[in-house]
Every structure is written in C-alpha cells, then in structure tokens.
Amino acid sequence: MPIMDVRCAAGRLDQAAKAKLAARLTDVLIRMEGGANTRGGRAFAWVFFTEFPEEDWWIGARADAEYVSPPGKFLVHISIPEGYMNVAHKNEVHGWVAAAIAEVVGGAGRGGSILTVIDEVTEGNWGAAGKPISLESIAGTVGQAKDGSRLGWSRAYFEAKARMMSAAGYPADAGGLLPSLADRLAQTSATETAA
C-alpha cells in the first residue's frame, strides 16, 4: 500500500506529463508490491502531485536554479507500511523513482535534485474505511502469497521486533506488531504476569 507524493515546482509538469509520470510511478508502486499487478494492487497504488510556487522552494538559500541539477527540483515522499521492504528494496525504489522522473521530464543531468524520502508507517497506524489495516491484510488484498518470501521477510522483521519489545517490557497493547504477533505478545505478557 505505498503512496507517492511528488512535490515539484508549479507549472513544471503539464497534465500530459503528470499522467505519464503517474503511470510510470504506478508501475514502480506495483514493482514495490512484489509485482502485484492486480485490481487490489492497483487500488493501493496512489500517486499525487503537490506543486509549490517556484519562489517558495528554496535550496541553498536561493529560489533560483543555482543549486538545482537537471531535470529540476523534485521531492518524492513515499509512504510504506513498516517492515515492508529491506534495504535492497528501498535502494531499488530510490533508483526507480529517479529514473521515472528523468524519463518523463528529460534525462539530462545527474538528477541530484530528485530527492526521495521513504517514510515507514508503524504497523497499526495505517487505516482504510475507518479501521486499521495490517501488512498481513494488505498482502492478501494485493494478491501476495501469505507464505511467499516477501511476507516471510516482513514476518521475520516483526518477530524480532516482538522479541525486542517483550524483552524490554513493553505493554502488550503498545501496538506496532502484526496482529498475529500482537496476540502472542499479549499471551506471553499475561502468562508472565500470572507467574
């Protein structure tokens, strides 16, 4: 369920360029989902554009292009569920996003002014239809195998986090774990309290 907020200078992209870039970035989002090119995967692939007036975007204390590399100023915030991607996946995403922007707006230059920020949303803090949704439920919605390597890595991440939280004495209802692991932590805490 990644979301991309593409921030750029107002007027930098016309509607046709936005449509083309949104299509390319949707392809990136689908790749991020492990190739979940399904109806559910596409429904979770959100791209939106936030435009700023050129005079409100300052780099190096200047609003002009003095410190801007071709193809221009872009800041892409990518929100993903916590524990969804390892370092290698994140590194791929940085490259894919920069390549998509360079392809659509012109590939000249190094793209040093195309910045990407990957924000991980803590498990339990993402919701839809007024209810929290977990990484486990997202995987099912987009068509990822529950026993596949992608969700297996996420499960290992959260199992380690659960052990760490338990060892540190976190309350069982602190959140931040897959629902299946939160139930286990709660049972472990209850058993330790009773002993």
Protein backbone atom coordinates (compact mmCIF):
# COMPACT_ATOMS: atom_id res chain seq x y z
CA MET A 1 0.00 0.00 0.00
CA PRO A 2 2.64 2.57 -0.88
CA ILE A 3 1.67 6.17 -1.58
CA MET A 4 3.80 8.67 -3.51
CA ASP A 5 3.53 12.42 -3.03
CA VAL A 6 5.50 14.01 -5.87
CA ARG A 7 6.42 17.58 -4.94
CA CYS A 8 7.53 19.83 -7.75
CA ALA A 9 7.57 23.45 -8.86
CA ALA A 10 4.22 24.76 -10.06
CA GLY A 11 3.93 24.54 -13.82
CA ARG A 12 6.89 22.15 -14.12
CA LEU A 13 4.57 19.37 -15.31
CA ASP A 14 1.60 19.87 -17.59
CA GLN A 15 -1.36 17.50 -17.37
CA ALA A 16 0.04 15.16 -20.03
CA ALA A 17 3.39 14.92 -18.21
CA LYS A 18 1.59 14.29 -14.90
CA ALA A 19 -0.43 11.49 -16.49
CA LYS A 20 2.70 9.92 -17.98
CA LEU A 21 4.67 10.26 -14.73
CA ALA A 22 1.75 8.92 -12.68
CA ALA A 23 1.63 5.87 -14.97
CA ARG A 24 5.40 5.28 -14.64
CA LEU A 25 5.30 5.75 -10.85
CA THR A 26 2.30 3.41 -10.61
CA ASP A 27 4.48 0.82 -12.34
CA VAL A 28 7.11 1.49 -9.66
CA LEU A 29 4.48 1.04 -6.93
CA ILE A 30 3.38 -2.27 -8.47
CA ARG A 31 7.02 -3.43 -8.55
CA MET A 32 7.31 -2.36 -4.91
CA GLU A 33 4.31 -4.57 -4.14
CA GLY A 34 6.28 -7.52 -5.47
CA GLY A 35 4.65 -7.37 -8.90
CA ALA A 36 1.09 -7.34 -7.54
CA ASN A 37 -0.44 -6.09 -10.78
CA THR A 38 -3.91 -7.00 -9.60
CA ARG A 39 -7.05 -4.94 -9.11
CA GLY A 40 -6.28 -4.84 -5.38
CA GLY A 41 -2.65 -3.89 -6.01
CA ARG A 42 -3.62 -1.06 -8.35
CA ALA A 43 -6.26 0.19 -5.89
CA PHE A 44 -3.46 0.67 -3.33
CA ALA A 45 -1.13 2.44 -5.81
CA TRP A 46 -1.69 6.13 -5.07
CA VAL A 47 0.31 8.92 -6.75
CA PHE A 48 -0.44 12.58 -6.23
CA PHE A 49 1.26 15.82 -7.10
CA THR A 50 1.88 18.73 -4.75
CA GLU A 51 3.01 21.87 -6.52
CA PHE A 52 4.83 24.79 -4.94
CA PRO A 53 5.39 28.23 -6.45
CA GLU A 54 8.98 28.45 -7.64
CA GLU A 55 9.58 31.41 -5.32
CA ASP A 56 8.56 29.29 -2.29
CA TRP A 57 11.08 26.49 -2.96
CA TRP A 58 14.50 27.43 -1.58
CA ILE A 59 17.68 25.41 -1.97
CA GLY A 60 20.92 26.75 -0.56
CA ALA A 61 19.10 29.96 0.48
CA ARG A 62 18.18 30.63 -3.15
CA ALA A 63 14.88 30.31 -5.00
CA ASP A 64 16.53 30.20 -8.42
CA ALA A 65 18.27 27.26 -10.10
CA GLU A 66 21.79 27.99 -8.78
CA TYR A 67 21.97 24.74 -6.79
CA VAL A 68 19.49 22.70 -8.81
CA SER A 69 20.61 19.82 -11.02
CA PRO A 70 18.74 18.87 -14.20
CA PRO A 71 15.98 17.80 -14.65
CA GLY A 72 14.86 20.09 -11.81
CA LYS A 73 13.55 20.11 -8.25
CA PHE A 74 11.55 17.05 -7.22
CA LEU A 75 10.90 15.74 -3.73
CA VAL A 76 9.06 12.41 -3.61
CA HIS A 77 7.69 11.23 -0.28
CA ILE A 78 6.92 7.53 -0.37
CA SER A 79 4.82 6.13 2.47
CA ILE A 80 5.06 2.39 3.05
CA PRO A 81 3.99 0.08 5.84
CA GLU A 82 6.71 -0.59 8.42
CA GLY A 83 8.64 -3.78 7.85
CA TYR A 84 7.60 -3.91 4.22
CA MET A 85 10.96 -3.50 2.50
CA ASN A 86 14.53 -4.38 3.30
CA VAL A 87 17.45 -2.09 2.44
CA ALA A 88 17.94 -3.60 -1.03
CA HIS A 89 14.26 -2.99 -1.91
CA LYS A 90 14.46 0.61 -0.67
CA ASN A 91 17.60 1.23 -2.72
CA GLU A 92 15.82 -0.09 -5.82
CA VAL A 93 12.90 2.26 -5.19
CA HIS A 94 15.19 5.32 -4.99
CA GLY A 95 16.61 4.38 -8.41
CA TRP A 96 13.26 3.53 -9.99
CA VAL A 97 11.69 6.83 -8.93
CA ALA A 98 14.61 8.93 -10.20
CA ALA A 99 14.63 7.01 -13.49
CA ALA A 100 10.87 7.51 -13.96
CA ILE A 101 11.12 11.25 -13.40
CA ALA A 102 14.17 11.61 -15.65
CA GLU A 103 12.42 9.61 -18.37
CA VAL A 104 9.30 11.78 -18.32
CA VAL A 105 10.79 15.25 -17.84
CA GLY A 106 14.12 14.73 -19.59
CA GLY A 107 17.07 12.63 -18.60
CA ALA A 108 19.76 15.28 -18.91
CA GLY A 109 21.99 15.72 -15.89
CA ARG A 110 22.64 13.65 -12.82
CA GLY A 111 19.25 14.10 -11.18
CA GLY A 112 20.85 15.30 -7.96
CA SER A 113 17.81 17.46 -7.27
CA ILE A 114 15.45 14.47 -7.40
CA LEU A 115 15.14 13.53 -3.74
CA THR A 116 13.20 10.57 -2.39
CA VAL A 117 12.19 10.06 1.22
CA ILE A 118 10.76 6.71 2.29
CA ASP A 119 8.55 7.03 5.35
CA GLU A 120 7.60 3.84 7.16
CA VAL A 121 4.19 3.92 8.82
CA THR A 122 4.18 1.94 12.06
CA GLU A 123 2.08 -1.23 11.94
CA GLY A 124 -1.40 -0.38 13.14
CA ASN A 125 -1.19 3.30 12.15
CA TRP A 126 -2.48 2.81 8.59
CA GLY A 127 -6.21 2.66 8.15
CA ALA A 128 -8.89 2.34 5.49
CA ALA A 129 -12.66 2.67 5.79
CA GLY A 130 -12.24 3.84 9.39
CA LYS A 131 -10.35 0.74 10.56
CA PRO A 132 -6.68 -0.09 10.94
CA ILE A 133 -5.29 -2.41 8.31
CA SER A 134 -2.25 -4.59 8.80
CA LEU A 135 0.55 -5.54 6.49
CA GLU A 136 -0.85 -9.08 6.55
CA SER A 137 -4.24 -7.91 5.26
CA ILE A 138 -2.63 -5.65 2.65
CA ALA A 139 -0.64 -8.60 1.31
CA GLY A 140 -3.84 -10.60 0.94
CA THR A 141 -5.65 -7.74 -0.79
CA VAL A 142 -2.93 -7.18 -3.39
CA GLY A 143 -2.57 -10.91 -4.06
CA GLN A 144 0.77 -11.67 -2.42
CA ALA A 145 1.23 -15.21 -1.19
CA LYS A 146 0.99 -15.37 2.61
CA ASP A 147 3.83 -17.90 2.58
CA GLY A 148 5.92 -16.02 -0.02
CA SER A 149 9.42 -14.67 0.55
CA ARG A 150 8.29 -11.02 0.68
CA LEU A 151 5.83 -11.50 3.53
CA GLY A 152 8.25 -14.03 5.08
CA TRP A 153 10.87 -11.28 5.40
CA SER A 154 8.28 -8.96 6.96
CA ARG A 155 7.19 -11.65 9.40
CA ALA A 156 10.84 -12.22 10.46
CA TYR A 157 11.22 -8.46 10.98
CA PHE A 158 8.14 -8.29 13.19
CA GLU A 159 9.06 -11.46 15.11
CA ALA A 160 12.39 -9.84 16.01
CA LYS A 161 10.58 -6.64 16.96
CA ALA A 162 8.16 -8.61 19.16
CA ARG A 163 11.06 -10.32 20.96
CA MET A 164 12.74 -6.98 21.50
CA MET A 165 9.55 -5.37 22.79
CA SER A 166 8.88 -8.30 25.10
CA ALA A 167 12.43 -8.27 26.47
CA ALA A 168 12.20 -4.51 27.07
CA GLY A 169 8.91 -4.90 28.94
CA TYR A 170 6.67 -3.04 26.51
CA PRO A 171 2.98 -3.26 27.42
CA ALA A 172 1.17 -5.91 25.39
CA ASP A 173 -1.13 -3.28 23.91
CA ALA A 174 1.67 -0.92 22.76
CA GLY A 175 0.94 -1.66 19.11
CA GLY A 176 3.40 -1.75 16.24
CA LEU A 177 3.18 -5.50 15.59
CA LEU A 178 1.36 -7.68 13.10
CA PRO A 179 -1.97 -8.69 14.65
CA SER A 180 -0.94 -12.36 14.79
CA LEU A 181 2.23 -11.44 16.72
CA ALA A 182 0.47 -8.91 18.96
CA ASP A 183 -1.82 -11.70 20.15
CA ARG A 184 1.22 -13.83 21.00
CA LEU A 185 2.88 -10.95 22.88
CA ALA A 186 -0.32 -10.39 24.84
CA GLN A 187 -0.46 -14.07 25.78
CA THR A 188 3.21 -14.04 26.82
CA SER A 189 2.64 -10.92 28.95
CA ALA A 190 -0.43 -12.48 30.57
CA THR A 191 1.49 -15.65 31.39
CA GLU A 192 4.41 -13.67 32.88
CA THR A 193 2.01 -11.52 34.96
CA ALA A 194 0.26 -14.61 36.33
CA ALA A 195 3.60 -16.23 37.30
